[in-house]
Amino acid sequence: MNEHLKHVVDICGEFGLSPMIWSDMYFRLGSITGNYYDLNGHISPDVIADMPKNVQYVYWDYYHDNEAFYRTFIEKHRAFGSDPVFAGGIWTWGSVAPNYGKTMATTLAALNACKSEGVRDVIATMWGDNGAETSVFTGLAGMQLFAEHGYSEKVDEAKLAERFAFCTGGNWDDFIALNAFDETPGIWLAENTPFGWEVIDIRYGGVLSRLETA
């Protein structure tokens, strides 16, 4: 893997480009279960010593709401010899509307950790899994959330709503209300996944497709 990456880095250098890559390939190889977020994973010092140093390794994490976890994984990335880039997620990929409950919880923990650990390069991602049914424009509130963390030590939601209205002309509460598609109050399936799949599969018929292809 290091050999291949070195070739890629050399090609980038010929064109004056500075490469960055997702870091999970290294962490998965260091885990006996292949789990990116395995806190007990171990990457050989020989592998780390042979990794190209003129690459930015991107720590992507859209799932954890525990600030301590992010701080731990930032330190694991620093063992590569450089500060990581952090990539968080605006949850546009699981439904017909963004899940702002998950977006707010994970972003708060992640970006507080980035600020406390001095990570300066952050990416906000919006993915289009499962048919890309969610309009990217519905993720604007998430973009504002990431931006506000770049200017504020602590993010105040009232000020965030004001800034969102100023920057986009939109109403913060209207955008956040879209969260009810995924976290509908009083709906049991909103908090439980009895079949092991995302709730969206149950709500919108994805389970039928899975049964047909099983």
N, C-alpha and C. Protein backbone atom coordinates (compact mmCIF):
# COMPACT_ATOMS: atom_id res chain seq x y z
N MET A 1 0.83 -1.20 0.00
CA MET A 1 0.00 0.00 0.00
C MET A 1 0.87 1.25 0.00
N ASN A 2 1.91 1.25 0.82
CA ASN A 2 2.80 2.40 0.84
C ASN A 2 3.48 2.60 -0.51
N GLU A 3 3.85 1.50 -1.14
CA GLU A 3 4.51 1.60 -2.44
C GLU A 3 3.59 2.25 -3.47
N HIS A 4 2.34 1.81 -3.47
CA HIS A 4 1.38 2.39 -4.41
C HIS A 4 1.18 3.88 -4.11
N LEU A 5 1.04 4.21 -2.83
CA LEU A 5 0.81 5.60 -2.45
C LEU A 5 1.99 6.49 -2.85
N LYS A 6 3.19 5.96 -2.73
CA LYS A 6 4.36 6.74 -3.14
C LYS A 6 4.33 7.06 -4.62
N HIS A 7 3.87 6.10 -5.43
CA HIS A 7 3.75 6.36 -6.87
C HIS A 7 2.73 7.47 -7.13
N VAL A 8 1.61 7.41 -6.39
CA VAL A 8 0.58 8.44 -6.56
C VAL A 8 1.12 9.81 -6.16
N VAL A 9 1.86 9.85 -5.06
CA VAL A 9 2.44 11.11 -4.58
C VAL A 9 3.42 11.67 -5.61
N ASP A 10 4.22 10.79 -6.22
CA ASP A 10 5.17 11.24 -7.24
C ASP A 10 4.44 11.85 -8.44
N ILE A 11 3.35 11.23 -8.85
CA ILE A 11 2.56 11.75 -9.97
C ILE A 11 1.98 13.11 -9.62
N CYS A 12 1.45 13.22 -8.39
CA CYS A 12 0.91 14.51 -7.94
C CYS A 12 2.00 15.59 -7.97
N GLY A 13 3.22 15.22 -7.54
CA GLY A 13 4.32 16.17 -7.52
C GLY A 13 4.66 16.68 -8.90
N GLU A 14 4.55 15.83 -9.91
CA GLU A 14 4.84 16.24 -11.29
C GLU A 14 3.88 17.32 -11.76
N PHE A 15 2.68 17.34 -11.19
CA PHE A 15 1.68 18.32 -11.59
C PHE A 15 1.49 19.44 -10.56
N GLY A 16 2.39 19.48 -9.57
CA GLY A 16 2.33 20.52 -8.57
C GLY A 16 1.14 20.40 -7.63
N LEU A 17 0.67 19.16 -7.41
CA LEU A 17 -0.49 18.93 -6.56
C LEU A 17 -0.07 18.40 -5.19
N SER A 18 -0.84 18.72 -4.18
CA SER A 18 -0.60 18.22 -2.82
C SER A 18 -1.71 17.23 -2.46
N PRO A 19 -1.40 15.94 -2.38
CA PRO A 19 -2.44 14.93 -2.20
C PRO A 19 -2.93 14.81 -0.76
N MET A 20 -4.20 14.41 -0.63
CA MET A 20 -4.75 13.99 0.65
C MET A 20 -5.55 12.72 0.41
N ILE A 21 -5.58 11.82 1.37
CA ILE A 21 -6.31 10.56 1.22
C ILE A 21 -7.05 10.23 2.51
N TRP A 22 -8.12 9.47 2.38
CA TRP A 22 -8.79 8.93 3.56
C TRP A 22 -7.82 8.00 4.29
N SER A 23 -7.84 8.07 5.59
CA SER A 23 -6.86 7.33 6.39
C SER A 23 -7.32 5.93 6.77
N ASP A 24 -8.58 5.59 6.50
CA ASP A 24 -9.12 4.35 7.07
C ASP A 24 -8.41 3.10 6.59
N MET A 25 -7.80 3.14 5.39
CA MET A 25 -7.14 1.93 4.89
C MET A 25 -6.04 1.46 5.85
N TYR A 26 -5.33 2.38 6.44
CA TYR A 26 -4.27 2.01 7.38
C TYR A 26 -4.85 1.45 8.67
N PHE A 27 -5.88 2.11 9.19
CA PHE A 27 -6.46 1.68 10.45
C PHE A 27 -7.17 0.33 10.31
N ARG A 28 -7.78 0.10 9.16
CA ARG A 28 -8.44 -1.20 8.95
C ARG A 28 -7.43 -2.34 8.91
N LEU A 29 -6.29 -2.09 8.28
CA LEU A 29 -5.25 -3.12 8.23
C LEU A 29 -4.66 -3.38 9.62
N GLY A 30 -4.71 -2.37 10.49
CA GLY A 30 -4.17 -2.53 11.83
C GLY A 30 -5.15 -3.14 12.82
N SER A 31 -6.38 -3.41 12.37
CA SER A 31 -7.40 -3.98 13.24
C SER A 31 -7.65 -5.44 12.87
N ILE A 32 -7.74 -6.30 13.86
CA ILE A 32 -7.99 -7.72 13.57
C ILE A 32 -9.40 -7.94 13.05
N THR A 33 -10.28 -6.96 13.25
CA THR A 33 -11.65 -7.07 12.74
C THR A 33 -11.86 -6.22 11.49
N GLY A 34 -10.84 -5.49 11.05
CA GLY A 34 -10.98 -4.62 9.89
C GLY A 34 -11.79 -3.37 10.16
N ASN A 35 -11.92 -3.01 11.43
CA ASN A 35 -12.75 -1.88 11.84
C ASN A 35 -11.92 -0.60 11.87
N TYR A 36 -12.36 0.39 11.14
CA TYR A 36 -11.66 1.68 11.12
C TYR A 36 -11.51 2.26 12.51
N TYR A 37 -12.57 2.19 13.32
CA TYR A 37 -12.60 2.88 14.60
C TYR A 37 -12.22 1.97 15.77
N ASP A 38 -11.42 0.97 15.50
CA ASP A 38 -10.98 0.02 16.53
C ASP A 38 -9.92 0.70 17.41
N LEU A 39 -10.30 1.00 18.64
CA LEU A 39 -9.36 1.67 19.56
C LEU A 39 -8.20 0.77 19.95
N ASN A 40 -8.35 -0.53 19.75
CA ASN A 40 -7.28 -1.47 20.08
C ASN A 40 -6.43 -1.84 18.87
N GLY A 41 -6.73 -1.23 17.73
CA GLY A 41 -5.95 -1.53 16.52
C GLY A 41 -4.50 -1.08 16.66
N HIS A 42 -3.63 -1.74 15.92
CA HIS A 42 -2.20 -1.43 16.00
C HIS A 42 -1.60 -1.40 14.60
N ILE A 43 -1.01 -0.26 14.25
CA ILE A 43 -0.31 -0.12 12.97
C ILE A 43 1.18 -0.23 13.25
N SER A 44 1.82 -1.13 12.54
CA SER A 44 3.24 -1.38 12.77
C SER A 44 4.07 -0.10 12.62
N PRO A 45 5.01 0.14 13.54
CA PRO A 45 5.90 1.30 13.38
C PRO A 45 6.66 1.28 12.07
N ASP A 46 6.98 0.09 11.55
CA ASP A 46 7.67 0.00 10.27
C ASP A 46 6.80 0.54 9.13
N VAL A 47 5.49 0.24 9.20
CA VAL A 47 4.56 0.73 8.18
C VAL A 47 4.48 2.26 8.27
N ILE A 48 4.36 2.78 9.49
CA ILE A 48 4.26 4.23 9.67
C ILE A 48 5.53 4.93 9.19
N ALA A 49 6.68 4.35 9.49
CA ALA A 49 7.95 4.96 9.09
C ALA A 49 8.08 5.03 7.58
N ASP A 50 7.42 4.10 6.88
CA ASP A 50 7.53 4.04 5.42
C ASP A 50 6.43 4.83 4.71
N MET A 51 5.49 5.40 5.46
CA MET A 51 4.40 6.16 4.84
C MET A 51 4.93 7.48 4.28
N PRO A 52 4.46 7.88 3.10
CA PRO A 52 4.88 9.18 2.56
C PRO A 52 4.52 10.32 3.52
N LYS A 53 5.41 11.25 3.70
CA LYS A 53 5.19 12.33 4.65
C LYS A 53 4.56 13.56 4.00
N ASN A 54 4.59 13.65 2.68
CA ASN A 54 4.01 14.81 2.00
C ASN A 54 2.59 14.51 1.52
N VAL A 55 1.84 13.84 2.41
CA VAL A 55 0.43 13.52 2.18
C VAL A 55 -0.35 13.98 3.40
N GLN A 56 -1.54 14.55 3.19
CA GLN A 56 -2.44 14.84 4.30
C GLN A 56 -3.39 13.66 4.47
N TYR A 57 -3.39 13.09 5.66
CA TYR A 57 -4.26 11.95 5.94
C TYR A 57 -5.56 12.45 6.56
N VAL A 58 -6.67 12.07 5.95
CA VAL A 58 -7.98 12.61 6.33
C VAL A 58 -8.70 11.64 7.25
N TYR A 59 -8.95 12.09 8.46
CA TYR A 59 -9.72 11.32 9.44
C TYR A 59 -11.19 11.65 9.23
N TRP A 60 -11.94 10.70 8.66
CA TRP A 60 -13.38 10.94 8.47
C TRP A 60 -14.17 10.18 9.53
N ASP A 61 -15.17 10.86 10.06
CA ASP A 61 -15.98 10.28 11.13
C ASP A 61 -17.31 11.02 11.19
N TYR A 62 -18.39 10.29 10.91
CA TYR A 62 -19.73 10.89 10.89
C TYR A 62 -20.62 10.30 11.97
N TYR A 63 -20.04 9.53 12.89
CA TYR A 63 -20.87 8.65 13.71
C TYR A 63 -20.80 8.89 15.21
N HIS A 64 -19.68 9.32 15.72
CA HIS A 64 -19.52 9.37 17.17
C HIS A 64 -20.02 10.69 17.75
N ASP A 65 -20.63 10.61 18.92
CA ASP A 65 -21.08 11.82 19.61
C ASP A 65 -20.33 12.02 20.92
N ASN A 66 -19.16 11.38 21.00
CA ASN A 66 -18.33 11.43 22.20
C ASN A 66 -17.05 12.20 21.87
N GLU A 67 -16.90 13.38 22.45
CA GLU A 67 -15.74 14.22 22.14
C GLU A 67 -14.42 13.52 22.44
N ALA A 68 -14.39 12.72 23.50
CA ALA A 68 -13.16 12.03 23.89
C ALA A 68 -12.71 11.06 22.80
N PHE A 69 -13.68 10.42 22.12
CA PHE A 69 -13.30 9.49 21.05
C PHE A 69 -12.56 10.24 19.94
N TYR A 70 -13.08 11.38 19.56
CA TYR A 70 -12.43 12.15 18.49
C TYR A 70 -11.02 12.58 18.90
N ARG A 71 -10.87 13.00 20.15
CA ARG A 71 -9.54 13.42 20.59
C ARG A 71 -8.56 12.24 20.53
N THR A 72 -9.03 11.06 20.92
CA THR A 72 -8.18 9.87 20.87
C THR A 72 -7.77 9.56 19.44
N PHE A 73 -8.71 9.64 18.53
CA PHE A 73 -8.39 9.28 17.15
C PHE A 73 -7.56 10.35 16.44
N ILE A 74 -7.69 11.59 16.85
CA ILE A 74 -6.80 12.63 16.33
C ILE A 74 -5.36 12.32 16.72
N GLU A 75 -5.17 11.90 17.97
CA GLU A 75 -3.82 11.55 18.42
C GLU A 75 -3.29 10.33 17.67
N LYS A 76 -4.15 9.37 17.39
CA LYS A 76 -3.72 8.21 16.61
C LYS A 76 -3.25 8.63 15.21
N HIS A 77 -3.92 9.61 14.63
CA HIS A 77 -3.50 10.10 13.32
C HIS A 77 -2.18 10.87 13.41
N ARG A 78 -1.97 11.55 14.50
CA ARG A 78 -0.72 12.30 14.63
C ARG A 78 0.49 11.39 14.73
N ALA A 79 0.25 10.13 15.06
CA ALA A 79 1.36 9.16 15.07
C ALA A 79 1.94 8.99 13.68
N PHE A 80 1.19 9.41 12.64
CA PHE A 80 1.70 9.34 11.26
C PHE A 80 2.74 10.43 10.98
N GLY A 81 2.87 11.37 11.89
CA GLY A 81 3.89 12.41 11.74
C GLY A 81 3.37 13.74 11.27
N SER A 82 2.05 13.92 11.23
CA SER A 82 1.48 15.19 10.79
C SER A 82 0.10 15.37 11.40
N ASP A 83 -0.40 16.61 11.32
CA ASP A 83 -1.77 16.86 11.77
C ASP A 83 -2.74 16.34 10.71
N PRO A 84 -3.81 15.67 11.13
CA PRO A 84 -4.78 15.19 10.16
C PRO A 84 -5.69 16.31 9.68
N VAL A 85 -6.32 16.06 8.54
CA VAL A 85 -7.50 16.82 8.14
C VAL A 85 -8.69 16.07 8.73
N PHE A 86 -9.69 16.79 9.23
CA PHE A 86 -10.88 16.11 9.73
C PHE A 86 -12.03 16.31 8.76
N ALA A 87 -12.76 15.23 8.46
CA ALA A 87 -13.95 15.29 7.61
C ALA A 87 -15.15 14.79 8.40
N GLY A 88 -16.09 15.69 8.65
CA GLY A 88 -17.33 15.32 9.32
C GLY A 88 -18.46 15.21 8.33
N GLY A 89 -19.66 14.89 8.82
CA GLY A 89 -20.76 14.64 7.91
C GLY A 89 -22.03 15.41 8.23
N ILE A 90 -22.62 15.99 7.19
CA ILE A 90 -23.98 16.51 7.26
C ILE A 90 -24.85 15.39 6.72
N TRP A 91 -25.69 14.82 7.55
CA TRP A 91 -26.35 13.55 7.27
C TRP A 91 -27.45 13.67 6.21
N THR A 92 -27.02 13.72 4.95
CA THR A 92 -27.97 13.82 3.83
C THR A 92 -28.18 12.49 3.12
N TRP A 93 -27.58 11.42 3.58
CA TRP A 93 -27.49 10.21 2.78
C TRP A 93 -28.44 9.08 3.17
N GLY A 94 -29.28 9.26 4.16
CA GLY A 94 -30.07 8.12 4.61
C GLY A 94 -31.55 8.19 4.36
N SER A 95 -32.02 9.29 3.73
CA SER A 95 -33.46 9.48 3.67
C SER A 95 -33.77 10.47 2.56
N VAL A 96 -34.99 11.02 2.57
CA VAL A 96 -35.37 12.06 1.63
C VAL A 96 -35.10 13.45 2.21
N ALA A 97 -34.60 13.49 3.43
CA ALA A 97 -34.30 14.75 4.11
C ALA A 97 -33.12 14.52 5.05
N PRO A 98 -32.39 15.57 5.40
CA PRO A 98 -31.22 15.39 6.27
C PRO A 98 -31.62 15.03 7.70
N ASN A 99 -30.76 14.25 8.34
CA ASN A 99 -30.95 13.94 9.75
C ASN A 99 -30.12 14.94 10.56
N TYR A 100 -30.79 15.97 11.03
CA TYR A 100 -30.07 17.02 11.75
C TYR A 100 -29.81 16.64 13.20
N GLY A 101 -30.53 15.66 13.73
CA GLY A 101 -30.22 15.18 15.07
C GLY A 101 -28.83 14.60 15.12
N LYS A 102 -28.53 13.70 14.16
CA LYS A 102 -27.19 13.11 14.09
C LYS A 102 -26.15 14.15 13.69
N THR A 103 -26.51 15.02 12.76
CA THR A 103 -25.56 16.05 12.32
C THR A 103 -25.13 16.93 13.48
N MET A 104 -26.09 17.40 14.27
CA MET A 104 -25.76 18.30 15.37
C MET A 104 -24.93 17.59 16.44
N ALA A 105 -25.32 16.37 16.80
CA ALA A 105 -24.63 15.65 17.88
C ALA A 105 -23.20 15.31 17.50
N THR A 106 -23.00 14.79 16.29
CA THR A 106 -21.66 14.38 15.88
C THR A 106 -20.77 15.58 15.59
N THR A 107 -21.33 16.62 14.99
CA THR A 107 -20.52 17.79 14.65
C THR A 107 -20.08 18.55 15.89
N LEU A 108 -20.97 18.67 16.87
CA LEU A 108 -20.61 19.34 18.11
C LEU A 108 -19.42 18.64 18.77
N ALA A 109 -19.51 17.31 18.91
CA ALA A 109 -18.43 16.57 19.55
C ALA A 109 -17.14 16.64 18.72
N ALA A 110 -17.27 16.47 17.42
CA ALA A 110 -16.09 16.42 16.55
C ALA A 110 -15.36 17.75 16.49
N LEU A 111 -16.10 18.83 16.25
CA LEU A 111 -15.43 20.11 16.06
C LEU A 111 -14.96 20.72 17.38
N ASN A 112 -15.62 20.41 18.47
CA ASN A 112 -15.06 20.81 19.77
C ASN A 112 -13.72 20.12 20.00
N ALA A 113 -13.65 18.83 19.62
CA ALA A 113 -12.39 18.10 19.77
C ALA A 113 -11.32 18.68 18.85
N CYS A 114 -11.70 19.00 17.61
CA CYS A 114 -10.74 19.57 16.67
C CYS A 114 -10.18 20.88 17.20
N LYS A 115 -11.04 21.71 17.75
CA LYS A 115 -10.58 23.01 18.28
C LYS A 115 -9.67 22.81 19.50
N SER A 116 -10.05 21.89 20.37
CA SER A 116 -9.22 21.68 21.56
C SER A 116 -7.88 21.04 21.22
N GLU A 117 -7.84 20.28 20.11
CA GLU A 117 -6.60 19.59 19.73
C GLU A 117 -5.81 20.35 18.66
N GLY A 118 -6.32 21.50 18.23
CA GLY A 118 -5.57 22.31 17.28
C GLY A 118 -5.63 21.84 15.84
N VAL A 119 -6.63 21.05 15.48
CA VAL A 119 -6.81 20.63 14.09
C VAL A 119 -7.45 21.78 13.33
N ARG A 120 -6.78 22.29 12.30
CA ARG A 120 -7.22 23.50 11.63
C ARG A 120 -7.94 23.24 10.31
N ASP A 121 -7.72 22.09 9.70
CA ASP A 121 -8.32 21.79 8.40
C ASP A 121 -9.50 20.85 8.57
N VAL A 122 -10.68 21.32 8.21
CA VAL A 122 -11.91 20.55 8.40
C VAL A 122 -12.73 20.57 7.11
N ILE A 123 -13.31 19.43 6.78
CA ILE A 123 -14.17 19.29 5.61
C ILE A 123 -15.56 18.89 6.07
N ALA A 124 -16.59 19.52 5.51
CA ALA A 124 -17.97 19.10 5.73
C ALA A 124 -18.42 18.30 4.51
N THR A 125 -18.82 17.06 4.72
CA THR A 125 -19.22 16.22 3.60
C THR A 125 -20.73 16.02 3.58
N MET A 126 -21.27 15.87 2.37
CA MET A 126 -22.67 15.48 2.17
C MET A 126 -22.66 14.40 1.09
N TRP A 127 -23.10 13.19 1.45
CA TRP A 127 -23.03 12.07 0.52
C TRP A 127 -24.42 11.78 -0.08
N GLY A 128 -24.41 11.03 -1.17
CA GLY A 128 -25.65 10.75 -1.89
C GLY A 128 -25.95 9.27 -2.01
N ASP A 129 -25.74 8.52 -0.92
CA ASP A 129 -26.01 7.08 -0.94
C ASP A 129 -27.49 6.80 -1.25
N ASN A 130 -27.74 5.58 -1.69
CA ASN A 130 -29.11 5.06 -1.82
C ASN A 130 -30.00 5.91 -2.73
N GLY A 131 -29.42 6.36 -3.84
CA GLY A 131 -30.23 7.07 -4.82
C GLY A 131 -30.16 8.58 -4.74
N ALA A 132 -29.42 9.10 -3.79
CA ALA A 132 -29.25 10.56 -3.66
C ALA A 132 -30.58 11.29 -3.67
N GLU A 133 -31.50 10.84 -2.81
CA GLU A 133 -32.85 11.43 -2.80
C GLU A 133 -32.90 12.79 -2.12
N THR A 134 -31.92 13.10 -1.30
CA THR A 134 -31.96 14.33 -0.52
C THR A 134 -31.32 15.48 -1.29
N SER A 135 -32.04 16.56 -1.46
CA SER A 135 -31.49 17.75 -2.11
C SER A 135 -30.32 18.29 -1.30
N VAL A 136 -29.24 18.63 -1.99
CA VAL A 136 -28.07 19.17 -1.27
C VAL A 136 -28.41 20.49 -0.60
N PHE A 137 -29.40 21.21 -1.12
CA PHE A 137 -29.75 22.51 -0.53
C PHE A 137 -30.37 22.35 0.86
N THR A 138 -30.94 21.18 1.15
CA THR A 138 -31.49 20.98 2.49
C THR A 138 -30.38 20.83 3.53
N GLY A 139 -29.15 20.67 3.08
CA GLY A 139 -28.01 20.56 3.99
C GLY A 139 -27.39 21.90 4.36
N LEU A 140 -27.99 23.00 3.90
CA LEU A 140 -27.40 24.31 4.16
C LEU A 140 -27.24 24.61 5.64
N ALA A 141 -28.18 24.17 6.46
CA ALA A 141 -28.06 24.43 7.89
C ALA A 141 -26.83 23.73 8.47
N GLY A 142 -26.53 22.56 7.95
CA GLY A 142 -25.32 21.87 8.38
C GLY A 142 -24.07 22.60 7.96
N MET A 143 -24.07 23.16 6.76
CA MET A 143 -22.93 23.95 6.32
C MET A 143 -22.72 25.17 7.22
N GLN A 144 -23.83 25.80 7.61
CA GLN A 144 -23.73 26.95 8.51
C GLN A 144 -23.18 26.54 9.86
N LEU A 145 -23.58 25.36 10.33
CA LEU A 145 -23.08 24.85 11.61
C LEU A 145 -21.57 24.68 11.57
N PHE A 146 -21.05 24.06 10.49
CA PHE A 146 -19.61 23.89 10.36
C PHE A 146 -18.91 25.25 10.30
N ALA A 147 -19.48 26.17 9.53
CA ALA A 147 -18.86 27.49 9.39
C ALA A 147 -18.82 28.22 10.73
N GLU A 148 -19.90 28.12 11.49
CA GLU A 148 -19.97 28.84 12.76
C GLU A 148 -18.91 28.34 13.73
N HIS A 149 -18.62 27.03 13.69
CA HIS A 149 -17.57 26.50 14.55
C HIS A 149 -16.21 27.08 14.19
N GLY A 150 -16.05 27.48 12.93
CA GLY A 150 -14.79 28.08 12.52
C GLY A 150 -14.57 29.48 13.05
N TYR A 151 -15.65 30.13 13.52
CA TYR A 151 -15.55 31.50 13.99
C TYR A 151 -15.86 31.65 15.47
N SER A 152 -16.37 30.59 16.09
CA SER A 152 -16.80 30.70 17.48
C SER A 152 -16.19 29.58 18.32
N GLU A 153 -15.75 29.94 19.52
CA GLU A 153 -15.25 28.92 20.44
C GLU A 153 -16.39 28.02 20.88
N LYS A 154 -17.53 28.63 21.22
CA LYS A 154 -18.74 27.89 21.57
C LYS A 154 -19.87 28.38 20.68
N VAL A 155 -20.59 27.46 20.09
CA VAL A 155 -21.66 27.84 19.16
C VAL A 155 -22.97 28.01 19.92
N ASP A 156 -23.58 29.17 19.76
CA ASP A 156 -24.87 29.48 20.36
C ASP A 156 -25.94 29.32 19.28
N GLU A 157 -26.95 28.49 19.55
CA GLU A 157 -27.92 28.17 18.49
C GLU A 157 -28.74 29.39 18.07
N ALA A 158 -29.03 30.28 18.99
CA ALA A 158 -29.78 31.47 18.62
C ALA A 158 -28.98 32.34 17.65
N LYS A 159 -27.69 32.51 17.94
CA LYS A 159 -26.83 33.27 17.04
C LYS A 159 -26.63 32.52 15.72
N LEU A 160 -26.58 31.20 15.81
CA LEU A 160 -26.45 30.38 14.61
C LEU A 160 -27.65 30.58 13.69
N ALA A 161 -28.84 30.62 14.27
CA ALA A 161 -30.05 30.84 13.49
C ALA A 161 -30.04 32.22 12.83
N GLU A 162 -29.57 33.23 13.56
CA GLU A 162 -29.48 34.59 13.01
C GLU A 162 -28.52 34.62 11.83
N ARG A 163 -27.36 33.98 12.02
CA ARG A 163 -26.35 33.99 10.96
C ARG A 163 -26.84 33.22 9.74
N PHE A 164 -27.58 32.14 9.97
CA PHE A 164 -28.12 31.35 8.87
C PHE A 164 -29.09 32.19 8.04
N ALA A 165 -29.95 32.94 8.71
CA ALA A 165 -30.89 33.80 8.00
C ALA A 165 -30.16 34.87 7.20
N PHE A 166 -29.09 35.45 7.79
CA PHE A 166 -28.32 36.49 7.11
C PHE A 166 -27.60 35.94 5.88
N CYS A 167 -26.99 34.75 6.01
CA CYS A 167 -26.16 34.20 4.94
C CYS A 167 -26.98 33.55 3.82
N THR A 168 -28.12 32.98 4.15
CA THR A 168 -28.87 32.20 3.16
C THR A 168 -30.26 32.73 2.87
N GLY A 169 -30.81 33.55 3.78
CA GLY A 169 -32.18 33.99 3.64
C GLY A 169 -33.18 32.95 4.10
N GLY A 170 -32.68 31.82 4.63
CA GLY A 170 -33.55 30.74 5.08
C GLY A 170 -33.90 30.85 6.55
N ASN A 171 -34.87 30.07 6.95
CA ASN A 171 -35.29 30.02 8.35
C ASN A 171 -34.71 28.76 8.99
N TRP A 172 -33.93 28.96 10.04
CA TRP A 172 -33.23 27.84 10.69
C TRP A 172 -34.21 26.77 11.16
N ASP A 173 -35.28 27.16 11.82
CA ASP A 173 -36.23 26.19 12.36
C ASP A 173 -36.89 25.37 11.26
N ASP A 174 -37.13 25.98 10.11
CA ASP A 174 -37.73 25.24 8.99
C ASP A 174 -36.80 24.13 8.52
N PHE A 175 -35.51 24.42 8.44
CA PHE A 175 -34.55 23.42 7.98
C PHE A 175 -34.40 22.30 9.01
N ILE A 176 -34.31 22.68 10.28
CA ILE A 176 -34.14 21.68 11.33
C ILE A 176 -35.37 20.79 11.45
N ALA A 177 -36.54 21.32 11.10
CA ALA A 177 -37.78 20.53 11.16
C ALA A 177 -37.74 19.33 10.22
N LEU A 178 -36.89 19.39 9.19
CA LEU A 178 -36.76 18.27 8.26
C LEU A 178 -36.27 17.01 8.97
N ASN A 179 -35.66 17.19 10.14
CA ASN A 179 -35.16 16.06 10.92
C ASN A 179 -36.27 15.07 11.28
N ALA A 180 -37.51 15.53 11.31
CA ALA A 180 -38.63 14.67 11.71
C ALA A 180 -38.85 13.50 10.74
N PHE A 181 -38.32 13.60 9.52
CA PHE A 181 -38.42 12.47 8.60
C PHE A 181 -37.69 11.24 9.16
N ASP A 182 -36.55 11.48 9.81
CA ASP A 182 -35.75 10.38 10.33
C ASP A 182 -35.95 10.15 11.81
N GLU A 183 -36.32 11.17 12.55
CA GLU A 183 -36.49 11.05 14.00
C GLU A 183 -37.90 11.52 14.37
N THR A 184 -38.89 10.81 13.85
CA THR A 184 -40.28 11.19 14.07
C THR A 184 -40.68 10.92 15.51
N PRO A 185 -41.13 11.94 16.24
CA PRO A 185 -41.52 11.72 17.64
C PRO A 185 -42.62 10.68 17.77
N GLY A 186 -42.42 9.74 18.71
CA GLY A 186 -43.44 8.73 18.99
C GLY A 186 -43.42 7.53 18.08
N ILE A 187 -42.53 7.52 17.08
CA ILE A 187 -42.45 6.38 16.17
C ILE A 187 -41.38 5.43 16.67
N TRP A 188 -41.75 4.19 16.96
CA TRP A 188 -40.82 3.24 17.54
C TRP A 188 -39.63 2.97 16.61
N LEU A 189 -39.89 2.88 15.31
CA LEU A 189 -38.82 2.59 14.37
C LEU A 189 -37.82 3.73 14.26
N ALA A 190 -38.20 4.93 14.74
CA ALA A 190 -37.26 6.04 14.69
C ALA A 190 -36.07 5.82 15.62
N GLU A 191 -36.24 4.97 16.63
CA GLU A 191 -35.16 4.74 17.60
C GLU A 191 -34.71 3.29 17.65
N ASN A 192 -35.28 2.44 16.81
CA ASN A 192 -34.94 1.03 16.83
C ASN A 192 -34.76 0.50 15.41
N THR A 193 -33.81 -0.41 15.24
CA THR A 193 -33.58 -1.03 13.95
C THR A 193 -33.66 -2.54 14.13
N PRO A 194 -34.88 -3.09 14.23
CA PRO A 194 -35.03 -4.50 14.58
C PRO A 194 -34.48 -5.47 13.55
N PHE A 195 -34.33 -5.01 12.30
CA PHE A 195 -33.84 -5.91 11.26
C PHE A 195 -32.37 -5.67 10.93
N GLY A 196 -31.75 -4.77 11.66
CA GLY A 196 -30.33 -4.54 11.46
C GLY A 196 -30.00 -3.55 10.36
N TRP A 197 -31.03 -3.01 9.68
CA TRP A 197 -30.78 -2.05 8.61
C TRP A 197 -31.17 -0.66 9.08
N GLU A 198 -30.82 0.35 8.30
CA GLU A 198 -31.25 1.70 8.61
C GLU A 198 -32.77 1.79 8.54
N VAL A 199 -33.34 2.67 9.33
CA VAL A 199 -34.79 2.84 9.37
C VAL A 199 -35.35 3.16 7.99
N ILE A 200 -34.57 3.86 7.19
CA ILE A 200 -35.06 4.25 5.87
C ILE A 200 -35.48 3.04 5.05
N ASP A 201 -34.82 1.90 5.23
CA ASP A 201 -35.17 0.70 4.49
C ASP A 201 -36.57 0.24 4.82
N ILE A 202 -36.94 0.39 6.09
CA ILE A 202 -38.27 -0.05 6.52
C ILE A 202 -39.33 0.93 6.02
N ARG A 203 -39.05 2.21 6.16
CA ARG A 203 -40.06 3.22 5.87
C ARG A 203 -40.40 3.30 4.39
N TYR A 204 -39.41 3.17 3.54
CA TYR A 204 -39.63 3.45 2.14
C TYR A 204 -39.52 2.22 1.24
N GLY A 205 -39.65 1.06 1.82
CA GLY A 205 -39.75 -0.15 1.02
C GLY A 205 -38.44 -0.78 0.63
N GLY A 206 -37.32 -0.25 1.14
CA GLY A 206 -36.03 -0.83 0.78
C GLY A 206 -35.92 -2.28 1.22
N VAL A 207 -36.65 -2.66 2.27
CA VAL A 207 -36.60 -4.04 2.74
C VAL A 207 -37.08 -5.01 1.68
N LEU A 208 -38.03 -4.59 0.83
CA LEU A 208 -38.51 -5.48 -0.22
C LEU A 208 -37.41 -5.74 -1.25
N SER A 209 -36.66 -4.69 -1.58
CA SER A 209 -35.57 -4.88 -2.52
C SER A 209 -34.51 -5.81 -1.95
N ARG A 210 -34.24 -5.67 -0.65
CA ARG A 210 -33.23 -6.52 -0.03
C ARG A 210 -33.68 -7.98 -0.02
N LEU A 211 -34.96 -8.20 0.23
CA LEU A 211 -35.47 -9.57 0.22
C LEU A 211 -35.40 -10.18 -1.16
N GLU A 212 -35.67 -9.37 -2.19
CA GLU A 212 -35.65 -9.88 -3.56
C GLU A 212 -34.25 -10.24 -4.02
N THR A 213 -33.25 -9.56 -3.46
CA THR A 213 -31.86 -9.81 -3.89
C THR A 213 -31.10 -10.70 -2.91
N ALA A 214 -31.77 -11.15 -1.83
CA ALA A 214 -31.08 -11.95 -0.82
C ALA A 214 -30.72 -13.34 -1.37
